[in-house]
Amino acid sequence: MLYSYKTAMPQHLPDTYTKMNSQELLELGFIEVPDKPIVGPGMFVEWTGSEWIQRPANLTELSFKWQEIRDIRKTMLEQADIEVMKFVEINQQVPTELATYKQQLRDITLQEDPWHIVWPTYK
């Protein structure tokens, strides 16, 4: 169980308060709070000062998530470029599957939900 002290972010009680009963804690300004709910991808939990609320990602959080996806994609494209260079160095044509994989990576941001990305695979 968590406790909020005068609407502050809920936390576990400090050791000095664990032997007190509920009434004593209430008189000191502590309220008992249920554990923070677990939410799914793209959802966030905030403490309002009196309760936990669940909400969808705001624009800033959504932007950060898309940036994370682009960063991962960049690394994957760099690795794919190394594979392309292996074929180029030996004068072989780049396999269609590899070219398709790279295009699918470039198109990754066309997906609607950054918390449920379907990543392409190669090999």
N, C-alpha and C. Protein backbone atom coordinates (compact mmCIF):
# COMPACT_ATOMS: atom_id res chain seq x y z
N MET A 1 0.84 -1.18 0.00
CA MET A 1 0.00 0.00 0.00
C MET A 1 0.88 1.24 0.00
N LEU A 2 0.39 2.25 -0.69
CA LEU A 2 1.10 3.52 -0.77
C LEU A 2 0.37 4.58 0.05
N TYR A 3 1.09 5.62 0.38
CA TYR A 3 0.51 6.73 1.13
C TYR A 3 0.93 8.04 0.49
N SER A 4 -0.01 8.97 0.49
CA SER A 4 0.27 10.31 0.00
C SER A 4 0.28 11.24 1.20
N TYR A 5 1.32 12.05 1.29
CA TYR A 5 1.41 13.02 2.37
C TYR A 5 0.97 14.37 1.82
N LYS A 6 -0.18 14.83 2.29
CA LYS A 6 -0.72 16.12 1.89
C LYS A 6 -0.73 16.28 0.36
N THR A 7 -1.25 15.30 -0.32
CA THR A 7 -1.45 15.22 -1.78
C THR A 7 -0.17 15.00 -2.59
N ALA A 8 0.96 14.80 -1.94
CA ALA A 8 2.21 14.55 -2.66
C ALA A 8 2.13 13.20 -3.38
N MET A 9 3.08 12.98 -4.28
CA MET A 9 3.15 11.71 -5.02
C MET A 9 3.18 10.55 -4.03
N PRO A 10 2.30 9.57 -4.19
CA PRO A 10 2.27 8.43 -3.27
C PRO A 10 3.58 7.65 -3.23
N GLN A 11 3.90 7.17 -2.05
CA GLN A 11 5.10 6.36 -1.85
C GLN A 11 4.88 5.45 -0.66
N HIS A 12 5.79 4.54 -0.45
CA HIS A 12 5.72 3.68 0.72
C HIS A 12 6.05 4.52 1.94
N LEU A 13 5.47 4.13 3.07
CA LEU A 13 5.71 4.89 4.30
C LEU A 13 7.17 4.79 4.73
N PRO A 14 7.73 5.89 5.21
CA PRO A 14 9.06 5.80 5.82
C PRO A 14 8.98 4.91 7.07
N ASP A 15 10.07 4.25 7.41
CA ASP A 15 10.09 3.32 8.54
C ASP A 15 9.56 3.92 9.83
N THR A 16 9.79 5.20 10.05
CA THR A 16 9.36 5.81 11.32
C THR A 16 7.84 5.85 11.46
N TYR A 17 7.09 5.66 10.39
CA TYR A 17 5.63 5.73 10.45
C TYR A 17 4.94 4.38 10.33
N THR A 18 5.67 3.31 10.07
CA THR A 18 5.04 2.03 9.77
C THR A 18 4.31 1.40 10.95
N LYS A 19 4.60 1.80 12.16
CA LYS A 19 3.95 1.22 13.33
C LYS A 19 2.69 1.99 13.75
N MET A 20 2.40 3.08 13.06
CA MET A 20 1.22 3.89 13.39
C MET A 20 -0.03 3.28 12.77
N ASN A 21 -1.18 3.53 13.41
CA ASN A 21 -2.44 3.05 12.84
C ASN A 21 -2.98 4.08 11.86
N SER A 22 -4.03 3.70 11.15
CA SER A 22 -4.58 4.54 10.09
C SER A 22 -5.02 5.91 10.59
N GLN A 23 -5.64 5.95 11.76
CA GLN A 23 -6.10 7.23 12.31
C GLN A 23 -4.93 8.15 12.61
N GLU A 24 -3.87 7.62 13.19
CA GLU A 24 -2.69 8.44 13.50
C GLU A 24 -2.07 8.99 12.21
N LEU A 25 -2.00 8.15 11.20
CA LEU A 25 -1.44 8.59 9.92
C LEU A 25 -2.30 9.68 9.29
N LEU A 26 -3.62 9.51 9.37
CA LEU A 26 -4.54 10.50 8.82
C LEU A 26 -4.37 11.84 9.52
N GLU A 27 -4.22 11.81 10.83
CA GLU A 27 -4.04 13.05 11.60
C GLU A 27 -2.74 13.76 11.23
N LEU A 28 -1.73 13.01 10.80
CA LEU A 28 -0.46 13.61 10.37
C LEU A 28 -0.51 14.13 8.93
N GLY A 29 -1.56 13.79 8.20
CA GLY A 29 -1.68 14.27 6.82
C GLY A 29 -1.46 13.21 5.76
N PHE A 30 -1.34 11.94 6.18
CA PHE A 30 -1.16 10.85 5.23
C PHE A 30 -2.52 10.28 4.84
N ILE A 31 -2.70 9.97 3.57
CA ILE A 31 -3.88 9.22 3.14
C ILE A 31 -3.41 7.95 2.45
N GLU A 32 -4.19 6.89 2.67
CA GLU A 32 -3.87 5.61 2.05
C GLU A 32 -4.29 5.66 0.58
N VAL A 33 -3.42 5.18 -0.29
CA VAL A 33 -3.65 5.24 -1.73
C VAL A 33 -3.44 3.84 -2.32
N PRO A 34 -4.32 3.41 -3.22
CA PRO A 34 -4.07 2.12 -3.87
C PRO A 34 -2.79 2.19 -4.72
N ASP A 35 -2.21 1.04 -4.97
CA ASP A 35 -1.01 0.99 -5.80
C ASP A 35 -1.29 1.62 -7.16
N LYS A 36 -0.23 2.14 -7.75
CA LYS A 36 -0.34 2.75 -9.07
C LYS A 36 -0.82 1.70 -10.06
N PRO A 37 -1.87 2.00 -10.84
CA PRO A 37 -2.36 1.01 -11.79
C PRO A 37 -1.35 0.73 -12.90
N ILE A 38 -1.41 -0.47 -13.39
CA ILE A 38 -0.58 -0.87 -14.53
C ILE A 38 -1.40 -0.62 -15.79
N VAL A 39 -0.80 0.06 -16.73
CA VAL A 39 -1.53 0.40 -17.96
C VAL A 39 -0.80 -0.17 -19.17
N GLY A 40 -1.50 -0.23 -20.26
CA GLY A 40 -0.93 -0.76 -21.48
C GLY A 40 -0.13 0.27 -22.25
N PRO A 41 0.43 -0.16 -23.36
CA PRO A 41 1.24 0.73 -24.20
C PRO A 41 0.44 1.95 -24.65
N GLY A 42 1.10 3.09 -24.62
CA GLY A 42 0.47 4.32 -25.07
C GLY A 42 -0.42 4.99 -24.04
N MET A 43 -0.51 4.38 -22.87
CA MET A 43 -1.31 4.96 -21.77
C MET A 43 -0.37 5.35 -20.64
N PHE A 44 -0.74 6.37 -19.92
CA PHE A 44 0.08 6.87 -18.82
C PHE A 44 -0.79 7.05 -17.59
N VAL A 45 -0.15 7.03 -16.42
CA VAL A 45 -0.84 7.21 -15.15
C VAL A 45 -0.29 8.45 -14.48
N GLU A 46 -1.18 9.28 -13.99
CA GLU A 46 -0.78 10.49 -13.27
C GLU A 46 -1.46 10.52 -11.91
N TRP A 47 -0.80 11.12 -10.96
CA TRP A 47 -1.36 11.34 -9.63
C TRP A 47 -1.92 12.77 -9.60
N THR A 48 -3.20 12.91 -9.27
CA THR A 48 -3.85 14.22 -9.27
C THR A 48 -3.74 14.93 -7.92
N GLY A 49 -3.26 14.23 -6.92
CA GLY A 49 -3.25 14.77 -5.57
C GLY A 49 -4.28 14.06 -4.71
N SER A 50 -5.20 13.36 -5.39
CA SER A 50 -6.22 12.61 -4.64
C SER A 50 -6.51 11.24 -5.25
N GLU A 51 -6.10 11.04 -6.51
CA GLU A 51 -6.35 9.75 -7.16
C GLU A 51 -5.42 9.57 -8.35
N TRP A 52 -5.30 8.31 -8.77
CA TRP A 52 -4.57 7.99 -10.00
C TRP A 52 -5.53 8.15 -11.16
N ILE A 53 -5.07 8.75 -12.25
CA ILE A 53 -5.89 8.80 -13.45
C ILE A 53 -5.08 8.19 -14.60
N GLN A 54 -5.77 7.52 -15.49
CA GLN A 54 -5.15 6.96 -16.68
C GLN A 54 -5.50 7.86 -17.86
N ARG A 55 -4.52 8.08 -18.71
CA ARG A 55 -4.76 8.93 -19.87
C ARG A 55 -3.91 8.46 -21.04
N PRO A 56 -4.36 8.76 -22.25
CA PRO A 56 -3.53 8.44 -23.41
C PRO A 56 -2.32 9.38 -23.48
N ALA A 57 -1.35 9.00 -24.26
CA ALA A 57 -0.14 9.82 -24.43
C ALA A 57 -0.52 11.20 -24.96
N ASN A 58 0.20 12.21 -24.45
CA ASN A 58 -0.01 13.55 -25.00
C ASN A 58 0.92 13.74 -26.20
N LEU A 59 0.86 14.88 -26.84
CA LEU A 59 1.64 15.11 -28.06
C LEU A 59 3.15 15.02 -27.83
N THR A 60 3.61 15.51 -26.68
CA THR A 60 5.04 15.43 -26.37
C THR A 60 5.48 13.99 -26.21
N GLU A 61 4.72 13.20 -25.46
CA GLU A 61 5.06 11.79 -25.26
C GLU A 61 4.99 11.02 -26.58
N LEU A 62 4.01 11.34 -27.39
CA LEU A 62 3.89 10.71 -28.70
C LEU A 62 5.09 11.06 -29.58
N SER A 63 5.50 12.31 -29.53
CA SER A 63 6.66 12.75 -30.30
C SER A 63 7.93 12.03 -29.85
N PHE A 64 8.12 11.91 -28.53
CA PHE A 64 9.30 11.18 -28.02
C PHE A 64 9.28 9.73 -28.45
N LYS A 65 8.11 9.10 -28.44
CA LYS A 65 8.01 7.70 -28.85
C LYS A 65 8.36 7.55 -30.33
N TRP A 66 7.85 8.45 -31.17
CA TRP A 66 8.18 8.37 -32.59
C TRP A 66 9.67 8.60 -32.81
N GLN A 67 10.28 9.48 -32.02
CA GLN A 67 11.72 9.70 -32.14
C GLN A 67 12.49 8.43 -31.77
N GLU A 68 12.03 7.74 -30.74
CA GLU A 68 12.64 6.46 -30.36
C GLU A 68 12.55 5.45 -31.51
N ILE A 69 11.39 5.41 -32.17
CA ILE A 69 11.20 4.50 -33.31
C ILE A 69 12.15 4.88 -34.45
N ARG A 70 12.27 6.18 -34.73
CA ARG A 70 13.18 6.62 -35.81
C ARG A 70 14.63 6.29 -35.48
N ASP A 71 15.01 6.41 -34.20
CA ASP A 71 16.38 6.07 -33.80
C ASP A 71 16.67 4.58 -34.00
N ILE A 72 15.71 3.76 -33.62
CA ILE A 72 15.87 2.31 -33.82
C ILE A 72 15.95 2.01 -35.31
N ARG A 73 15.07 2.64 -36.09
CA ARG A 73 15.07 2.44 -37.54
C ARG A 73 16.41 2.85 -38.15
N LYS A 74 16.97 3.95 -37.69
CA LYS A 74 18.26 4.41 -38.21
C LYS A 74 19.34 3.35 -38.01
N THR A 75 19.38 2.77 -36.82
CA THR A 75 20.36 1.72 -36.54
C THR A 75 20.12 0.51 -37.45
N MET A 76 18.87 0.15 -37.62
CA MET A 76 18.56 -1.00 -38.48
C MET A 76 18.92 -0.72 -39.93
N LEU A 77 18.69 0.51 -40.40
CA LEU A 77 19.06 0.87 -41.77
C LEU A 77 20.58 0.87 -41.95
N GLU A 78 21.29 1.32 -40.94
CA GLU A 78 22.76 1.30 -41.01
C GLU A 78 23.27 -0.14 -41.11
N GLN A 79 22.66 -1.04 -40.36
CA GLN A 79 23.05 -2.45 -40.43
C GLN A 79 22.69 -3.03 -41.80
N ALA A 80 21.56 -2.63 -42.34
CA ALA A 80 21.16 -3.11 -43.67
C ALA A 80 22.11 -2.57 -44.73
N ASP A 81 22.58 -1.34 -44.56
CA ASP A 81 23.54 -0.76 -45.52
C ASP A 81 24.84 -1.57 -45.54
N ILE A 82 25.24 -2.08 -44.40
CA ILE A 82 26.44 -2.93 -44.34
C ILE A 82 26.21 -4.19 -45.16
N GLU A 83 25.02 -4.74 -45.07
CA GLU A 83 24.68 -5.92 -45.87
C GLU A 83 24.71 -5.58 -47.36
N VAL A 84 24.17 -4.43 -47.72
CA VAL A 84 24.18 -3.99 -49.12
C VAL A 84 25.61 -3.88 -49.62
N MET A 85 26.48 -3.28 -48.83
CA MET A 85 27.88 -3.09 -49.23
C MET A 85 28.59 -4.42 -49.47
N LYS A 86 28.22 -5.44 -48.73
CA LYS A 86 28.83 -6.76 -48.94
C LYS A 86 28.54 -7.26 -50.36
N PHE A 87 27.34 -7.03 -50.83
CA PHE A 87 26.98 -7.44 -52.19
C PHE A 87 27.66 -6.56 -53.22
N VAL A 88 27.70 -5.27 -52.96
CA VAL A 88 28.31 -4.32 -53.90
C VAL A 88 29.81 -4.61 -54.04
N GLU A 89 30.47 -4.91 -52.93
CA GLU A 89 31.92 -5.16 -52.96
C GLU A 89 32.29 -6.36 -53.82
N ILE A 90 31.41 -7.32 -53.92
CA ILE A 90 31.71 -8.50 -54.75
C ILE A 90 30.96 -8.47 -56.08
N ASN A 91 30.50 -7.28 -56.44
CA ASN A 91 29.81 -7.04 -57.71
C ASN A 91 28.60 -7.95 -57.93
N GLN A 92 27.85 -8.18 -56.86
CA GLN A 92 26.61 -8.95 -56.98
C GLN A 92 25.42 -8.01 -56.79
N GLN A 93 24.35 -8.40 -57.41
CA GLN A 93 23.13 -7.60 -57.28
C GLN A 93 22.58 -7.74 -55.86
N VAL A 94 22.10 -6.62 -55.31
CA VAL A 94 21.48 -6.63 -53.99
C VAL A 94 20.17 -7.41 -54.08
N PRO A 95 19.98 -8.40 -53.21
CA PRO A 95 18.75 -9.19 -53.27
C PRO A 95 17.50 -8.31 -53.09
N THR A 96 16.47 -8.67 -53.82
CA THR A 96 15.20 -7.95 -53.74
C THR A 96 14.69 -7.92 -52.30
N GLU A 97 14.88 -9.02 -51.57
CA GLU A 97 14.41 -9.09 -50.18
C GLU A 97 15.07 -8.02 -49.31
N LEU A 98 16.36 -7.76 -49.58
CA LEU A 98 17.08 -6.76 -48.80
C LEU A 98 16.59 -5.36 -49.17
N ALA A 99 16.38 -5.11 -50.44
CA ALA A 99 15.86 -3.81 -50.87
C ALA A 99 14.46 -3.58 -50.31
N THR A 100 13.64 -4.61 -50.31
CA THR A 100 12.29 -4.52 -49.76
C THR A 100 12.34 -4.24 -48.26
N TYR A 101 13.22 -4.94 -47.57
CA TYR A 101 13.40 -4.75 -46.13
C TYR A 101 13.75 -3.29 -45.82
N LYS A 102 14.70 -2.74 -46.58
CA LYS A 102 15.09 -1.35 -46.36
C LYS A 102 13.92 -0.40 -46.60
N GLN A 103 13.12 -0.66 -47.64
CA GLN A 103 11.96 0.19 -47.90
C GLN A 103 10.93 0.08 -46.78
N GLN A 104 10.73 -1.13 -46.28
CA GLN A 104 9.79 -1.32 -45.17
C GLN A 104 10.26 -0.56 -43.93
N LEU A 105 11.57 -0.52 -43.71
CA LEU A 105 12.10 0.26 -42.59
C LEU A 105 11.84 1.75 -42.80
N ARG A 106 12.06 2.23 -44.02
CA ARG A 106 11.82 3.65 -44.32
C ARG A 106 10.34 4.00 -44.10
N ASP A 107 9.46 3.06 -44.37
CA ASP A 107 8.02 3.29 -44.25
C ASP A 107 7.47 3.06 -42.84
N ILE A 108 8.32 2.73 -41.91
CA ILE A 108 7.88 2.34 -40.56
C ILE A 108 7.03 3.42 -39.90
N THR A 109 7.34 4.69 -40.17
CA THR A 109 6.57 5.77 -39.53
C THR A 109 5.20 6.00 -40.16
N LEU A 110 4.86 5.21 -41.17
CA LEU A 110 3.52 5.27 -41.74
C LEU A 110 2.53 4.48 -40.89
N GLN A 111 3.06 3.66 -39.98
CA GLN A 111 2.18 2.92 -39.09
C GLN A 111 1.53 3.90 -38.12
N GLU A 112 0.36 3.57 -37.65
CA GLU A 112 -0.43 4.50 -36.84
C GLU A 112 -0.04 4.57 -35.37
N ASP A 113 0.44 3.48 -34.80
CA ASP A 113 0.64 3.42 -33.35
C ASP A 113 2.08 3.08 -33.02
N PRO A 114 2.84 4.04 -32.49
CA PRO A 114 4.25 3.78 -32.21
C PRO A 114 4.48 2.78 -31.07
N TRP A 115 3.44 2.46 -30.32
CA TRP A 115 3.59 1.47 -29.24
C TRP A 115 3.31 0.05 -29.73
N HIS A 116 2.90 -0.08 -30.98
CA HIS A 116 2.62 -1.40 -31.56
C HIS A 116 3.22 -1.50 -32.96
N ILE A 117 4.49 -1.20 -33.07
CA ILE A 117 5.17 -1.24 -34.36
C ILE A 117 5.37 -2.69 -34.79
N VAL A 118 5.10 -2.95 -36.06
CA VAL A 118 5.40 -4.24 -36.66
C VAL A 118 6.69 -4.03 -37.45
N TRP A 119 7.77 -4.58 -36.92
CA TRP A 119 9.09 -4.40 -37.54
C TRP A 119 9.31 -5.44 -38.63
N PRO A 120 9.82 -5.01 -39.78
CA PRO A 120 10.15 -5.98 -40.83
C PRO A 120 11.38 -6.79 -40.44
N THR A 121 11.55 -7.92 -41.07
CA THR A 121 12.72 -8.75 -40.81
C THR A 121 13.42 -9.08 -42.11
N TYR A 122 14.70 -9.35 -41.97
CA TYR A 122 15.50 -9.79 -43.12
C TYR A 122 16.38 -10.92 -42.63
N LYS A 123 16.39 -11.99 -43.36
CA LYS A 123 17.16 -13.22 -43.06
C LYS A 123 16.56 -13.96 -41.92
